[in-house]
PDB file of N, CA and C in Angstrom:
ATOM      1  N   MET A   1     101.240 113.765 114.844  1.00  0.00           N
ATOM      2  CA  MET A   1     102.103 112.609 114.744  1.00  0.00           C
ATOM      3  C   MET A   1     102.580 112.490 113.300  1.00  0.00           C
ATOM      4  N   ASN A   2     103.850 112.245 113.126  1.00  0.00           N
ATOM      5  CA  ASN A   2     104.458 112.131 111.805  1.00  0.00           C
ATOM      6  C   ASN A   2     104.160 110.785 111.160  1.00  0.00           C
ATOM      7  N   THR A   3     104.260 110.776 109.851  1.00  0.00           N
ATOM      8  CA  THR A   3     104.114 109.548 109.086  1.00  0.00           C
ATOM      9  C   THR A   3     105.323 108.646 109.339  1.00  0.00           C
ATOM     10  N   LEU A   4     105.060 107.365 109.489  1.00  0.00           N
ATOM     11  CA  LEU A   4     106.131 106.376 109.614  1.00  0.00           C
ATOM     12  C   LEU A   4     106.293 105.699 108.265  1.00  0.00           C
ATOM     13  N   ARG A   5     107.521 105.684 107.787  1.00  0.00           N
ATOM     14  CA  ARG A   5     107.793 105.011 106.516  1.00  0.00           C
ATOM     15  C   ARG A   5     109.055 104.182 106.674  1.00  0.00           C
ATOM     16  N   LEU A   6     108.920 102.884 106.466  1.00  0.00           N
ATOM     17  CA  LEU A   6     110.054 101.969 106.490  1.00  0.00           C
ATOM     18  C   LEU A   6     110.195 101.407 105.086  1.00  0.00           C
ATOM     19  N   GLU A   7     111.358 101.576 104.509  1.00  0.00           N
ATOM     20  CA  GLU A   7     111.599 101.097 103.152  1.00  0.00           C
ATOM     21  C   GLU A   7     111.734  99.580 103.134  1.00  0.00           C
ATOM     22  N   ALA A   8     111.288  98.978 102.066  1.00  0.00           N
ATOM     23  CA  ALA A   8     111.383  97.530 101.891  1.00  0.00           C
ATOM     24  C   ALA A   8     112.827  97.121 101.636  1.00  0.00           C
ATOM     25  N   THR A   9     113.157  95.922 102.096  1.00  0.00           N
ATOM     26  CA  THR A   9     114.429  95.282 101.771  1.00  0.00           C
ATOM     27  C   THR A   9     114.087  93.891 101.238  1.00  0.00           C
ATOM     28  N   ASP A  10     115.118  93.081 101.011  1.00  0.00           N
ATOM     29  CA  ASP A  10     114.865  91.707 100.565  1.00  0.00           C
ATOM     30  C   ASP A  10     114.122  90.896 101.622  1.00  0.00           C
ATOM     31  N   LYS A  11     114.262  91.296 102.897  1.00  0.00           N
ATOM     32  CA  LYS A  11     113.681  90.521 103.990  1.00  0.00           C
ATOM     33  C   LYS A  11     112.605  91.255 104.784  1.00  0.00           C
ATOM     34  N   THR A  12     112.410  92.537 104.507  1.00  0.00           N
ATOM     35  CA  THR A  12     111.427  93.299 105.271  1.00  0.00           C
ATOM     36  C   THR A  12     110.443  94.002 104.338  1.00  0.00           C
ATOM     37  N   PRO A  13     109.220  94.165 104.780  1.00  0.00           N
ATOM     38  CA  PRO A  13     108.225  94.821 103.943  1.00  0.00           C
ATOM     39  C   PRO A  13     108.346  96.347 104.000  1.00  0.00           C
ATOM     40  N   GLU A  14     107.753  96.987 103.038  1.00  0.00           N
ATOM     41  CA  GLU A  14     107.579  98.432 103.103  1.00  0.00           C
ATOM     42  C   GLU A  14     106.418  98.697 104.053  1.00  0.00           C
ATOM     43  N   VAL A  15     106.590  99.666 104.921  1.00  0.00           N
ATOM     44  CA  VAL A  15     105.525 100.055 105.843  1.00  0.00           C
ATOM     45  C   VAL A  15     105.289 101.545 105.668  1.00  0.00           C
ATOM     46  N   ARG A  16     104.035 101.906 105.468  1.00  0.00           N
ATOM     47  CA  ARG A  16     103.629 103.316 105.410  1.00  0.00           C
ATOM     48  C   ARG A  16     102.465 103.487 106.363  1.00  0.00           C
ATOM     49  N   PHE A  17     102.648 104.307 107.377  1.00  0.00           N
ATOM     50  CA  PHE A  17     101.598 104.574 108.343  1.00  0.00           C
ATOM     51  C   PHE A  17     101.406 106.080 108.421  1.00  0.00           C
ATOM     52  N   ASP A  18     100.269 106.546 107.910  1.00  0.00           N
ATOM     53  CA  ASP A  18      99.946 107.971 107.908  1.00  0.00           C
ATOM     54  C   ASP A  18      98.800 108.201 108.893  1.00  0.00           C
ATOM     55  N   PRO A  19      99.116 108.615 110.115  1.00  0.00           N
ATOM     56  CA  PRO A  19      98.085 108.792 111.129  1.00  0.00           C
ATOM     57  C   PRO A  19      97.058 109.873 110.767  1.00  0.00           C
ATOM     58  N   GLU A  20      97.495 110.913 110.069  1.00  0.00           N
ATOM     59  CA  GLU A  20      96.572 111.988 109.686  1.00  0.00           C
ATOM     60  C   GLU A  20      95.459 111.463 108.778  1.00  0.00           C
ATOM     61  N   LYS A  21      95.826 110.586 107.845  1.00  0.00           N
ATOM     62  CA  LYS A  21      94.852 110.003 106.916  1.00  0.00           C
ATOM     63  C   LYS A  21      94.209 108.731 107.461  1.00  0.00           C
ATOM     64  N   GLY A  22      94.782 108.179 108.537  1.00  0.00           N
ATOM     65  CA  GLY A  22      94.256 106.925 109.079  1.00  0.00           C
ATOM     66  C   GLY A  22      94.533 105.757 108.146  1.00  0.00           C
ATOM     67  N   GLN A  23      95.751 105.704 107.588  1.00  0.00           N
ATOM     68  CA  GLN A  23      96.092 104.648 106.636  1.00  0.00           C
ATOM     69  C   GLN A  23      97.385 103.953 107.034  1.00  0.00           C
ATOM     70  N   LEU A  24      97.332 102.633 107.001  1.00  0.00           N
ATOM     71  CA  LEU A  24      98.502 101.800 107.258  1.00  0.00           C
ATOM     72  C   LEU A  24      98.620 100.803 106.118  1.00  0.00           C
ATOM     73  N   GLU A  25      99.811 100.718 105.531  1.00  0.00           N
ATOM     74  CA  GLU A  25     100.075  99.750 104.476  1.00  0.00           C
ATOM     75  C   GLU A  25     101.328  98.953 104.818  1.00  0.00           C
ATOM     76  N   ILE A  26     101.243  97.643 104.629  1.00  0.00           N
ATOM     77  CA  ILE A  26     102.384  96.746 104.794  1.00  0.00           C
ATOM     78  C   ILE A  26     102.475  95.944 103.509  1.00  0.00           C
ATOM     79  N   ILE A  27     103.578  96.115 102.782  1.00  0.00           N
ATOM     80  CA  ILE A  27     103.680  95.580 101.422  1.00  0.00           C
ATOM     81  C   ILE A  27     105.015  94.877 101.230  1.00  0.00           C
ATOM     82  N   GLY A  28     104.989  93.676 100.680  1.00  0.00           N
ATOM     83  CA  GLY A  28     106.225  93.003 100.303  1.00  0.00           C
ATOM     84  C   GLY A  28     106.413  91.658 100.952  1.00  0.00           C
ATOM     85  N   CYS A  29     107.597  91.452 101.501  1.00  0.00           N
ATOM     86  CA  CYS A  29     107.995  90.173 102.072  1.00  0.00           C
ATOM     87  C   CYS A  29     108.490  90.404 103.497  1.00  0.00           C
ATOM     88  N   SER A  30     108.064  89.545 104.427  1.00  0.00           N
ATOM     89  CA  SER A  30     108.434  89.724 105.837  1.00  0.00           C
ATOM     90  C   SER A  30     109.072  88.441 106.363  1.00  0.00           C
ATOM     91  N   ILE A  31     110.403  88.347 106.161  1.00  0.00           N
ATOM     92  CA  ILE A  31     111.110  87.129 106.582  1.00  0.00           C
ATOM     93  C   ILE A  31     112.366  87.455 107.396  1.00  0.00           C
ATOM     94  N   HIS A  32     112.333  88.582 108.091  1.00  0.00           N
ATOM     95  CA  HIS A  32     113.501  88.990 108.867  1.00  0.00           C
ATOM     96  C   HIS A  32     113.712  88.092 110.074  1.00  0.00           C
ATOM     97  N   GLU A  33     114.944  88.064 110.550  1.00  0.00           N
ATOM     98  CA  GLU A  33     115.282  87.227 111.696  1.00  0.00           C
ATOM     99  C   GLU A  33     114.914  87.890 113.013  1.00  0.00           C
ATOM    100  N   ASN A  34     114.850  89.216 113.056  1.00  0.00           N
ATOM    101  CA  ASN A  34     114.505  89.926 114.282  1.00  0.00           C
ATOM    102  C   ASN A  34     113.233  90.737 114.053  1.00  0.00           C
ATOM    103  N   ALA A  35     112.102  90.043 114.041  1.00  0.00           N
ATOM    104  CA  ALA A  35     110.821  90.695 113.783  1.00  0.00           C
ATOM    105  C   ALA A  35     110.498  91.720 114.866  1.00  0.00           C
ATOM    106  N   ASP A  36     110.919  91.449 116.103  1.00  0.00           N
ATOM    107  CA  ASP A  36     110.648  92.379 117.198  1.00  0.00           C
ATOM    108  C   ASP A  36     111.262  93.743 116.916  1.00  0.00           C
ATOM    109  N   LYS A  37     112.502  93.751 116.498  1.00  0.00           N
ATOM    110  CA  LYS A  37     113.195  95.005 116.204  1.00  0.00           C
ATOM    111  C   LYS A  37     112.509  95.755 115.065  1.00  0.00           C
ATOM    112  N   PHE A  38     112.058  95.022 114.066  1.00  0.00           N
ATOM    113  CA  PHE A  38     111.417  95.658 112.922  1.00  0.00           C
ATOM    114  C   PHE A  38     110.038  96.209 113.269  1.00  0.00           C
ATOM    115  N   TYR A  39     109.207  95.398 113.946  1.00  0.00           N
ATOM    116  CA  TYR A  39     107.817  95.785 114.180  1.00  0.00           C
ATOM    117  C   TYR A  39     107.597  96.658 115.413  1.00  0.00           C
ATOM    118  N   SER A  40     108.551  96.725 116.330  1.00  0.00           N
ATOM    119  CA  SER A  40     108.382  97.539 117.550  1.00  0.00           C
ATOM    120  C   SER A  40     108.063  99.007 117.279  1.00  0.00           C
ATOM    121  N   PRO A  41     108.759  99.673 116.343  1.00  0.00           N
ATOM    122  CA  PRO A  41     108.393 101.080 116.072  1.00  0.00           C
ATOM    123  C   PRO A  41     106.944 101.226 115.582  1.00  0.00           C
ATOM    124  N   LEU A  42     106.473 100.251 114.822  1.00  0.00           N
ATOM    125  CA  LEU A  42     105.098 100.297 114.340  1.00  0.00           C
ATOM    126  C   LEU A  42     104.125 100.109 115.498  1.00  0.00           C
ATOM    127  N   TRP A  43     104.425  99.166 116.400  1.00  0.00           N
ATOM    128  CA  TRP A  43     103.589  98.988 117.604  1.00  0.00           C
ATOM    129  C   TRP A  43     103.478 100.289 118.371  1.00  0.00           C
ATOM    130  N   ASP A  44     104.628 100.923 118.584  1.00  0.00           N
ATOM    131  CA  ASP A  44     104.646 102.169 119.347  1.00  0.00           C
ATOM    132  C   ASP A  44     103.783 103.229 118.679  1.00  0.00           C
ATOM    133  N   ARG A  45     103.864 103.326 117.375  1.00  0.00           N
ATOM    134  CA  ARG A  45     103.058 104.304 116.634  1.00  0.00           C
ATOM    135  C   ARG A  45     101.569 103.990 116.731  1.00  0.00           C
ATOM    136  N   ILE A  46     101.229 102.721 116.622  1.00  0.00           N
ATOM    137  CA  ILE A  46      99.814 102.336 116.717  1.00  0.00           C
ATOM    138  C   ILE A  46      99.290 102.639 118.118  1.00  0.00           C
ATOM    139  N   ASP A  47     100.081 102.354 119.137  1.00  0.00           N
ATOM    140  CA  ASP A  47      99.666 102.660 120.508  1.00  0.00           C
ATOM    141  C   ASP A  47      99.443 104.165 120.682  1.00  0.00           C
ATOM    142  N   ALA A  48     100.345 104.987 120.174  1.00  0.00           N
ATOM    143  CA  ALA A  48     100.198 106.440 120.259  1.00  0.00           C
ATOM    144  C   ALA A  48      98.989 106.900 119.448  1.00  0.00           C
ATOM    145  N   TYR A  49      98.808 106.325 118.272  1.00  0.00           N
ATOM    146  CA  TYR A  49      97.684 106.653 117.395  1.00  0.00           C
ATOM    147  C   TYR A  49      96.353 106.351 118.066  1.00  0.00           C
ATOM    148  N   SER A  50      96.303 105.299 118.843  1.00  0.00           N
ATOM    149  CA  SER A  50      95.059 104.896 119.504  1.00  0.00           C
ATOM    150  C   SER A  50      94.534 105.964 120.457  1.00  0.00           C
ATOM    151  N   GLY A  51      95.421 106.841 120.924  1.00  0.00           N
ATOM    152  CA  GLY A  51      94.998 107.921 121.807  1.00  0.00           C
ATOM    153  C   GLY A  51      94.201 109.008 121.103  1.00  0.00           C
ATOM    154  N   ALA A  52      94.437 109.188 119.814  1.00  0.00           N
ATOM    155  CA  ALA A  52      93.743 110.215 119.030  1.00  0.00           C
ATOM    156  C   ALA A  52      93.687 109.777 117.571  1.00  0.00           C
ATOM    157  N   PRO A  53      92.908 108.731 117.280  1.00  0.00           N
ATOM    158  CA  PRO A  53      92.886 108.195 115.914  1.00  0.00           C
ATOM    159  C   PRO A  53      91.993 108.997 114.968  1.00  0.00           C
ATOM    160  N   ALA A  54      92.175 108.762 113.687  1.00  0.00           N
ATOM    161  CA  ALA A  54      91.260 109.295 112.679  1.00  0.00           C
ATOM    162  C   ALA A  54      89.914 108.588 112.837  1.00  0.00           C
ATOM    163  N   GLN A  55      88.853 109.204 112.326  1.00  0.00           N
ATOM    164  CA  GLN A  55      87.529 108.584 112.425  1.00  0.00           C
ATOM    165  C   GLN A  55      87.492 107.214 111.766  1.00  0.00           C
ATOM    166  N   ARG A  56      88.205 107.104 110.665  1.00  0.00           N
ATOM    167  CA  ARG A  56      88.297 105.841 109.939  1.00  0.00           C
ATOM    168  C   ARG A  56      89.766 105.475 109.777  1.00  0.00           C
ATOM    169  N   THR A  57      90.030 104.196 109.925  1.00  0.00           N
ATOM    170  CA  THR A  57      91.394 103.690 109.746  1.00  0.00           C
ATOM    171  C   THR A  57      91.334 102.560 108.733  1.00  0.00           C
ATOM    172  N   LEU A  58      92.106 102.685 107.674  1.00  0.00           N
ATOM    173  CA  LEU A  58      92.168 101.658 106.636  1.00  0.00           C
ATOM    174  C   LEU A  58      93.537 101.003 106.673  1.00  0.00           C
ATOM    175  N   VAL A  59      93.539  99.685 106.797  1.00  0.00           N
ATOM    176  CA  VAL A  59      94.766  98.899 106.838  1.00  0.00           C
ATOM    177  C   VAL A  59      94.816  98.055 105.578  1.00  0.00           C
ATOM    178  N   ARG A  60      95.900  98.185 104.822  1.00  0.00           N
ATOM    179  CA  ARG A  60      96.091  97.368 103.624  1.00  0.00           C
ATOM    180  C   ARG A  60      97.342  96.522 103.831  1.00  0.00           C
ATOM    181  N   ILE A  61      97.171  95.214 103.749  1.00  0.00           N
ATOM    182  CA  ILE A  61      98.304  94.298 103.870  1.00  0.00           C
ATOM    183  C   ILE A  61      98.397  93.517 102.571  1.00  0.00           C
ATOM    184  N   SER A  62      99.546  93.623 101.949  1.00  0.00           N
ATOM    185  CA  SER A  62      99.763  92.971 100.664  1.00  0.00           C
ATOM    186  C   SER A  62     101.139  92.311 100.701  1.00  0.00           C
ATOM    187  N   LEU A  63     101.182  91.143 101.305  1.00  0.00           N
ATOM    188  CA  LEU A  63     102.444  90.427 101.467  1.00  0.00           C
ATOM    189  C   LEU A  63     102.548  89.273 100.483  1.00  0.00           C
ATOM    190  N   ASP A  64     103.756  89.074  99.982  1.00  0.00           N
ATOM    191  CA  ASP A  64     104.013  87.941  99.103  1.00  0.00           C
ATOM    192  C   ASP A  64     104.374  86.702  99.917  1.00  0.00           C
ATOM    193  N   TYR A  65     104.981  86.945 101.084  1.00  0.00           N
ATOM    194  CA  TYR A  65     105.374  85.843 101.955  1.00  0.00           C
ATOM    195  C   TYR A  65     105.720  86.417 103.319  1.00  0.00           C
ATOM    196  N   PHE A  66     105.484  85.631 104.374  1.00  0.00           N
ATOM    197  CA  PHE A  66     105.956  85.992 105.704  1.00  0.00           C
ATOM    198  C   PHE A  66     106.272  84.727 106.473  1.00  0.00           C
ATOM    199  N   ASN A  67     107.247  84.825 107.385  1.00  0.00           N
ATOM    200  CA  ASN A  67     107.654  83.658 108.166  1.00  0.00           C
ATOM    201  C   ASN A  67     106.855  83.594 109.476  1.00  0.00           C
ATOM    202  N   SER A  68     107.095  82.558 110.261  1.00  0.00           N
ATOM    203  CA  SER A  68     106.293  82.340 111.467  1.00  0.00           C
ATOM    204  C   SER A  68     106.480  83.441 112.508  1.00  0.00           C
ATOM    205  N   SER A  69     107.686  83.977 112.648  1.00  0.00           N
ATOM    206  CA  SER A  69     107.856  85.050 113.635  1.00  0.00           C
ATOM    207  C   SER A  69     107.121  86.313 113.188  1.00  0.00           C
ATOM    208  N   SER A  70     107.106  86.576 111.894  1.00  0.00           N
ATOM    209  CA  SER A  70     106.353  87.720 111.383  1.00  0.00           C
ATOM    210  C   SER A  70     104.852  87.514 111.587  1.00  0.00           C
ATOM    211  N   ALA A  71     104.392  86.287 111.470  1.00  0.00           N
ATOM    212  CA  ALA A  71     102.968  85.986 111.646  1.00  0.00           C
ATOM    213  C   ALA A  71     102.475  86.430 113.020  1.00  0.00           C
ATOM    214  N   LYS A  72     103.279  86.166 114.045  1.00  0.00           N
ATOM    215  CA  LYS A  72     102.914  86.564 115.408  1.00  0.00           C
ATOM    216  C   LYS A  72     102.816  88.075 115.523  1.00  0.00           C
ATOM    217  N   TYR A  73     103.774  88.787 114.966  1.00  0.00           N
ATOM    218  CA  TYR A  73     103.781  90.243 115.056  1.00  0.00           C
ATOM    219  C   TYR A  73     102.649  90.857 114.239  1.00  0.00           C
ATOM    220  N   LEU A  74     102.360  90.293 113.093  1.00  0.00           N
ATOM    221  CA  LEU A  74     101.217  90.767 112.304  1.00  0.00           C
ATOM    222  C   LEU A  74      99.920  90.593 113.094  1.00  0.00           C
ATOM    223  N   LEU A  75      99.770  89.442 113.739  1.00  0.00           N
ATOM    224  CA  LEU A  75      98.570  89.219 114.538  1.00  0.00           C
ATOM    225  C   LEU A  75      98.483  90.226 115.679  1.00  0.00           C
ATOM    226  N   ASP A  76      99.593  90.491 116.344  1.00  0.00           N
ATOM    227  CA  ASP A  76      99.597  91.477 117.430  1.00  0.00           C
ATOM    228  C   ASP A  76      99.188  92.861 116.928  1.00  0.00           C
ATOM    229  N   ILE A  77      99.683  93.245 115.778  1.00  0.00           N
ATOM    230  CA  ILE A  77      99.309  94.535 115.189  1.00  0.00           C
ATOM    231  C   ILE A  77      97.817  94.558 114.886  1.00  0.00           C
ATOM    232  N   LEU A  78      97.332  93.500 114.266  1.00  0.00           N
ATOM    233  CA  LEU A  78      95.911  93.445 113.924  1.00  0.00           C
ATOM    234  C   LEU A  78      95.038  93.433 115.174  1.00  0.00           C
ATOM    235  N   LYS A  79      95.469  92.760 116.232  1.00  0.00           N
ATOM    236  CA  LYS A  79      94.689  92.752 117.477  1.00  0.00           C
ATOM    237  C   LYS A  79      94.650  94.137 118.115  1.00  0.00           C
ATOM    238  N   ARG A  80      95.748  94.876 118.060  1.00  0.00           N
ATOM    239  CA  ARG A  80      95.746  96.242 118.585  1.00  0.00           C
ATOM    240  C   ARG A  80      94.753  97.111 117.815  1.00  0.00           C
ATOM    241  N   LEU A  81      94.730  96.937 116.515  1.00  0.00           N
ATOM    242  CA  LEU A  81      93.784  97.691 115.691  1.00  0.00           C
ATOM    243  C   LEU A  81      92.353  97.208 115.917  1.00  0.00           C
ATOM    244  N   ASP A  82      92.178  95.926 116.156  1.00  0.00           N
ATOM    245  CA  ASP A  82      90.859  95.378 116.465  1.00  0.00           C
ATOM    246  C   ASP A  82      90.333  95.977 117.780  1.00  0.00           C
ATOM    247  N   ASP A  83      91.227  96.121 118.758  1.00  0.00           N
ATOM    248  CA  ASP A  83      90.853  96.758 120.025  1.00  0.00           C
ATOM    249  C   ASP A  83      90.442  98.210 119.800  1.00  0.00           C
ATOM    250  N   LEU A  84      91.165  98.902 118.927  1.00  0.00           N
ATOM    251  CA  LEU A  84      90.823 100.285 118.599  1.00  0.00           C
ATOM    252  C   LEU A  84      89.433 100.335 117.981  1.00  0.00           C
ATOM    253  N   HIS A  85      89.154  99.427 117.080  1.00  0.00           N
ATOM    254  CA  HIS A  85      87.843  99.355 116.434  1.00  0.00           C
ATOM    255  C   HIS A  85      86.751  99.074 117.476  1.00  0.00           C
ATOM    256  N   ALA A  86      87.001  98.130 118.365  1.00  0.00           N
ATOM    257  CA  ALA A  86      86.019  97.755 119.383  1.00  0.00           C
ATOM    258  C   ALA A  86      85.731  98.910 120.345  1.00  0.00           C
ATOM    259  N   SER A  87      86.713  99.774 120.546  1.00  0.00           N
ATOM    260  CA  SER A  87      86.517 100.910 121.459  1.00  0.00           C
ATOM    261  C   SER A  87      85.578 101.958 120.872  1.00  0.00           C
ATOM    262  N   GLY A  88      85.375 101.921 119.560  1.00  0.00           N
ATOM    263  CA  GLY A  88      84.515 102.897 118.904  1.00  0.00           C
ATOM    264  C   GLY A  88      85.226 104.198 118.569  1.00  0.00           C
ATOM    265  N   SER A  89      86.501 104.290 118.866  1.00  0.00           N
ATOM    266  CA  SER A  89      87.268 105.511 118.601  1.00  0.00           C
ATOM    267  C   SER A  89      87.537 105.716 117.114  1.00  0.00           C
ATOM    268  N   SER A  90      87.605 104.623 116.367  1.00  0.00           N
ATOM    269  CA  SER A  90      87.872 104.681 114.938  1.00  0.00           C
ATOM    270  C   SER A  90      87.235 103.464 114.279  1.00  0.00           C
ATOM    271  N   LYS A  91      86.662 103.667 113.113  1.00  0.00           N
ATOM    272  CA  LYS A  91      86.124 102.543 112.350  1.00  0.00           C
ATOM    273  C   LYS A  91      87.274 101.960 111.535  1.00  0.00           C
ATOM    274  N   VAL A  92      87.794 100.841 112.019  1.00  0.00           N
ATOM    275  CA  VAL A  92      88.954 100.219 111.396  1.00  0.00           C
ATOM    276  C   VAL A  92      88.490  99.131 110.433  1.00  0.00           C
ATOM    277  N   SER A  93      89.077  99.103 109.256  1.00  0.00           N
ATOM    278  CA  SER A  93      88.829  98.022 108.308  1.00  0.00           C
ATOM    279  C   SER A  93      90.156  97.586 107.703  1.00  0.00           C
ATOM    280  N   VAL A  94      90.206  96.308 107.342  1.00  0.00           N
ATOM    281  CA  VAL A  94      91.434  95.718 106.816  1.00  0.00           C
ATOM    282  C   VAL A  94      91.163  95.155 105.432  1.00  0.00           C
ATOM    283  N   GLU A  95      92.106  95.382 104.536  1.00  0.00           N
ATOM    284  CA  GLU A  95      92.074  94.772 103.204  1.00  0.00           C
ATOM    285  C   GLU A  95      93.351  93.946 103.068  1.00  0.00           C
ATOM    286  N   TRP A  96      93.194  92.639 103.021  1.00  0.00           N
ATOM    287  CA  TRP A  96      94.313  91.705 102.873  1.00  0.00           C
ATOM    288  C   TRP A  96      94.314  91.266 101.415  1.00  0.00           C
ATOM    289  N   THR A  97      95.357  91.612 100.674  1.00  0.00           N
ATOM    290  CA  THR A  97      95.397  91.197  99.276  1.00  0.00           C
ATOM    291  C   THR A  97      96.483  90.149  99.086  1.00  0.00           C
ATOM    292  N   TYR A  98      96.240  89.282  98.140  1.00  0.00           N
ATOM    293  CA  TYR A  98      97.191  88.210  97.834  1.00  0.00           C
ATOM    294  C   TYR A  98      97.256  88.026  96.324  1.00  0.00           C
ATOM    295  N   GLU A  99      98.397  87.547  95.870  1.00  0.00           N
ATOM    296  CA  GLU A  99      98.642  87.317  94.449  1.00  0.00           C
ATOM    297  C   GLU A  99      97.677  86.246  93.924  1.00  0.00           C
ATOM    298  N   GLU A 100      97.208  86.441  92.709  1.00  0.00           N
ATOM    299  CA  GLU A 100      96.297  85.484  92.080  1.00  0.00           C
ATOM    300  C   GLU A 100      96.850  84.060  92.181  1.00  0.00           C
ATOM    301  N   GLY A 101      96.050  83.170  92.723  1.00  0.00           N
ATOM    302  CA  GLY A 101      96.424  81.763  92.825  1.00  0.00           C
ATOM    303  C   GLY A 101      97.271  81.405  94.039  1.00  0.00           C
ATOM    304  N   ASP A 102      97.623  82.371  94.881  1.00  0.00           N
ATOM    305  CA  ASP A 102      98.449  82.097  96.065  1.00  0.00           C
ATOM    306  C   ASP A 102      97.549  81.638  97.217  1.00  0.00           C
ATOM    307  N   LEU A 103      97.314  80.337  97.256  1.00  0.00           N
ATOM    308  CA  LEU A 103      96.395  79.781  98.242  1.00  0.00           C
ATOM    309  C   LEU A 103      96.902  79.922  99.675  1.00  0.00           C
ATOM    310  N   ASP A 104      98.221  79.893  99.872  1.00  0.00           N
ATOM    311  CA  ASP A 104      98.777  80.059 101.222  1.00  0.00           C
ATOM    312  C   ASP A 104      98.464  81.443 101.786  1.00  0.00           C
ATOM    313  N   MET A 105      98.668  82.470 100.977  1.00  0.00           N
ATOM    314  CA  MET A 105      98.402  83.834 101.456  1.00  0.00           C
ATOM    315  C   MET A 105      96.895  84.086 101.579  1.00  0.00           C
ATOM    316  N   GLN A 106      96.102  83.472 100.723  1.00  0.00           N
ATOM    317  CA  GLN A 106      94.651  83.579 100.853  1.00  0.00           C
ATOM    318  C   GLN A 106      94.209  82.950 102.175  1.00  0.00           C
ATOM    319  N   GLU A 107      94.724  81.773 102.466  1.00  0.00           N
ATOM    320  CA  GLU A 107      94.381  81.086 103.708  1.00  0.00           C
ATOM    321  C   GLU A 107      94.845  81.880 104.930  1.00  0.00           C
ATOM    322  N   ALA A 108      96.032  82.460 104.854  1.00  0.00           N
ATOM    323  CA  ALA A 108      96.537  83.272 105.966  1.00  0.00           C
ATOM    324  C   ALA A 108      95.596  84.449 106.225  1.00  0.00           C
ATOM    325  N   GLY A 109      95.180  85.117 105.176  1.00  0.00           N
ATOM    326  CA  GLY A 109      94.238  86.232 105.328  1.00  0.00           C
ATOM    327  C   GLY A 109      92.934  85.787 105.956  1.00  0.00           C
ATOM    328  N   ASN A 110      92.424  84.655 105.508  1.00  0.00           N
ATOM    329  CA  ASN A 110      91.176  84.137 106.075  1.00  0.00           C
ATOM    330  C   ASN A 110      91.352  83.704 107.524  1.00  0.00           C
ATOM    331  N   ASP A 111      92.522  83.170 107.855  1.00  0.00           N
ATOM    332  CA  ASP A 111      92.797  82.795 109.252  1.00  0.00           C
ATOM    333  C   ASP A 111      92.774  84.030 110.148  1.00  0.00           C
ATOM    334  N   TYR A 112      93.456  85.088 109.736  1.00  0.00           N
ATOM    335  CA  TYR A 112      93.439  86.327 110.513  1.00  0.00           C
ATOM    336  C   TYR A 112      92.016  86.883 110.613  1.00  0.00           C
ATOM    337  N   LYS A 113      91.314  86.860 109.509  1.00  0.00           N
ATOM    338  CA  LYS A 113      89.936  87.375 109.491  1.00  0.00           C
ATOM    339  C   LYS A 113      89.084  86.669 110.540  1.00  0.00           C
ATOM    340  N   GLY A 114      89.278  85.366 110.691  1.00  0.00           N
ATOM    341  CA  GLY A 114      88.505  84.589 111.651  1.00  0.00           C
ATOM    342  C   GLY A 114      88.822  84.917 113.101  1.00  0.00           C
ATOM    343  N   LEU A 115      89.944  85.575 113.353  1.00  0.00           N
ATOM    344  CA  LEU A 115      90.364  85.911 114.716  1.00  0.00           C
ATOM    345  C   LEU A 115      89.988  87.336 115.130  1.00  0.00           C
ATOM    346  N   LEU A 116      89.437  88.106 114.200  1.00  0.00           N
ATOM    347  CA  LEU A 116      89.193  89.531 114.443  1.00  0.00           C
ATOM    348  C   LEU A 116      87.719  89.874 114.327  1.00  0.00           C
ATOM    349  N   GLU A 117      87.335  90.941 114.997  1.00  0.00           N
ATOM    350  CA  GLU A 117      85.954  91.428 114.939  1.00  0.00           C
ATOM    351  C   GLU A 117      85.771  92.526 113.901  1.00  0.00           C
ATOM    352  N   MET A 118      86.843  93.271 113.618  1.00  0.00           N
ATOM    353  CA  MET A 118      86.715  94.385 112.681  1.00  0.00           C
ATOM    354  C   MET A 118      86.503  93.856 111.251  1.00  0.00           C
ATOM    355  N   PRO A 119      85.911  94.670 110.403  1.00  0.00           N
ATOM    356  CA  PRO A 119      85.685  94.244 109.013  1.00  0.00           C
ATOM    357  C   PRO A 119      87.013  93.964 108.297  1.00  0.00           C
ATOM    358  N   MET A 120      87.060  92.842 107.603  1.00  0.00           N
ATOM    359  CA  MET A 120      88.278  92.477 106.863  1.00  0.00           C
ATOM    360  C   MET A 120      87.888  91.806 105.554  1.00  0.00           C
ATOM    361  N   LYS A 121      88.465  92.317 104.470  1.00  0.00           N
ATOM    362  CA  LYS A 121      88.265  91.727 103.145  1.00  0.00           C
ATOM    363  C   LYS A 121      89.532  90.991 102.772  1.00  0.00           C
ATOM    364  N   VAL A 122      89.379  89.814 102.194  1.00  0.00           N
ATOM    365  CA  VAL A 122      90.502  89.045 101.643  1.00  0.00           C
ATOM    366  C   VAL A 122      90.291  89.068 100.127  1.00  0.00           C
ATOM    367  N   VAL A 123      91.211  89.749  99.419  1.00  0.00           N
ATOM    368  CA  VAL A 123      90.995  90.052  98.010  1.00  0.00           C
ATOM    369  C   VAL A 123      92.153  89.575  97.154  1.00  0.00           C
ATOM    370  N   GLU A 124      91.833  88.863  96.085  1.00  0.00           N
ATOM    371  CA  GLU A 124      92.848  88.435  95.129  1.00  0.00           C
ATOM    372  C   GLU A 124      93.244  89.621  94.255  1.00  0.00           C
ATOM    373  N   ARG A 125      94.553  89.752  93.984  1.00  0.00           N
ATOM    374  CA  ARG A 125      95.016  90.838  93.096  1.00  0.00           C
ATOM    375  C   ARG A 125      95.667  90.262  91.870  1.00  0.00           C
TER     376      ARG A 125
END
């Protein structure tokens, strides 16, 4: 499976998903109007990856801001990865980083952490 790379724009985050290394990164700002169109290719890749994942999967999310529609899609992505972790096929862990002093993004990370079973760190950068 090839690496998925989506370049960042003013309204969309950079996405790097390397299935060979078991690494997914989402970086930047996620405030697009059509989150479904943006996140659907990533969903498809994660679903395909779940069939033959790396032993370990590391997810790094480093967002400066995201809107409510992006929040739903991020949760769906994290739940798919949580299911992968629960299946025992891959040891999935998440690192949610937020800008120093950004209490909203810290709280968002902690909210997601509370909804998932896989290991998740919420780290100030």
